[in-house]
Amino acid sequence: MDALEIQQQGAHARVRGEHMVANPYYKARNMPFSTGESTEEWNQKAVAWRRGWEQENYQLEE
């Protein structure tokens, strides 16, 4: 999954009313020690999801 898709997931979560800490990349099953991916790869996904959530949050607050 690419960063844009992950950002869209974050934005959709915000529209559904989920809190930023609902980021699925913060769940143990999606962290590097469970997935085997590098910390850098995991962080890029976590940041992309958060960025999408934050952008949508900004839009909703205007």
Protein backbone atom coordinates (compact mmCIF):
# COMPACT_ATOMS: atom_id res chain seq x y z
CA MET A 1 0.00 0.00 0.00
CA ASP A 2 1.38 3.39 -0.92
CA ALA A 3 1.48 6.54 1.20
CA LEU A 4 -1.46 8.17 -0.59
CA GLU A 5 -3.73 5.19 0.13
CA ILE A 6 -2.66 5.22 3.76
CA GLN A 7 -3.33 8.97 3.99
CA GLN A 8 -6.80 8.37 2.58
CA GLN A 9 -7.42 5.74 5.26
CA GLY A 10 -6.46 8.29 7.91
CA ALA A 11 -8.78 10.89 6.41
CA HIS A 12 -11.67 8.41 6.28
CA ALA A 13 -11.06 7.52 9.91
CA ARG A 14 -11.35 11.19 10.86
CA VAL A 15 -14.62 11.52 8.92
CA ARG A 16 -15.93 8.51 10.87
CA GLY A 17 -15.08 10.37 14.06
CA GLU A 18 -12.13 8.25 15.11
CA HIS A 19 -9.43 9.84 17.26
CA MET A 20 -5.86 10.22 16.04
CA VAL A 21 -4.73 7.47 18.42
CA ALA A 22 -6.88 5.05 16.41
CA ASN A 23 -3.95 4.94 13.97
CA PRO A 24 -3.76 1.24 13.07
CA TYR A 25 0.01 1.43 12.80
CA TYR A 26 0.17 1.99 16.56
CA LYS A 27 -1.39 -1.43 17.20
CA ALA A 28 1.03 -4.15 18.23
CA ARG A 29 0.13 -6.37 15.27
CA ASN A 30 1.23 -3.61 12.84
CA MET A 31 4.48 -2.60 14.55
CA PRO A 32 7.90 -3.62 13.25
CA PHE A 33 8.45 -6.31 15.88
CA SER A 34 5.31 -8.06 14.58
CA THR A 35 5.52 -7.34 10.85
CA GLY A 36 9.27 -7.68 10.40
CA GLU A 37 9.51 -4.44 8.44
CA SER A 38 12.06 -1.81 9.27
CA THR A 39 11.30 0.95 11.74
CA GLU A 40 11.70 3.45 8.91
CA GLU A 41 9.09 1.69 6.74
CA TRP A 42 6.67 1.45 9.66
CA ASN A 43 7.19 5.11 10.56
CA GLN A 44 6.45 6.23 7.00
CA LYS A 45 3.11 4.41 7.15
CA ALA A 46 2.24 5.71 10.61
CA VAL A 47 3.07 9.27 9.59
CA ALA A 48 1.11 8.99 6.33
CA TRP A 49 -2.01 7.82 8.19
CA ARG A 50 -1.62 10.61 10.76
CA ARG A 51 -1.06 13.19 8.02
CA GLY A 52 -4.30 12.15 6.30
CA TRP A 53 -6.16 12.31 9.61
CA GLU A 54 -4.74 15.76 10.41
CA GLN A 55 -5.52 17.16 6.96
CA GLU A 56 -9.12 16.00 7.21
CA ASN A 57 -9.37 17.31 10.75
CA TYR A 58 -8.23 20.72 9.54
CA GLN A 59 -10.86 20.68 6.78
CA LEU A 60 -13.63 19.73 9.21
CA GLU A 61 -12.70 22.54 11.61
CA GLU A 62 -12.91 25.28 8.96
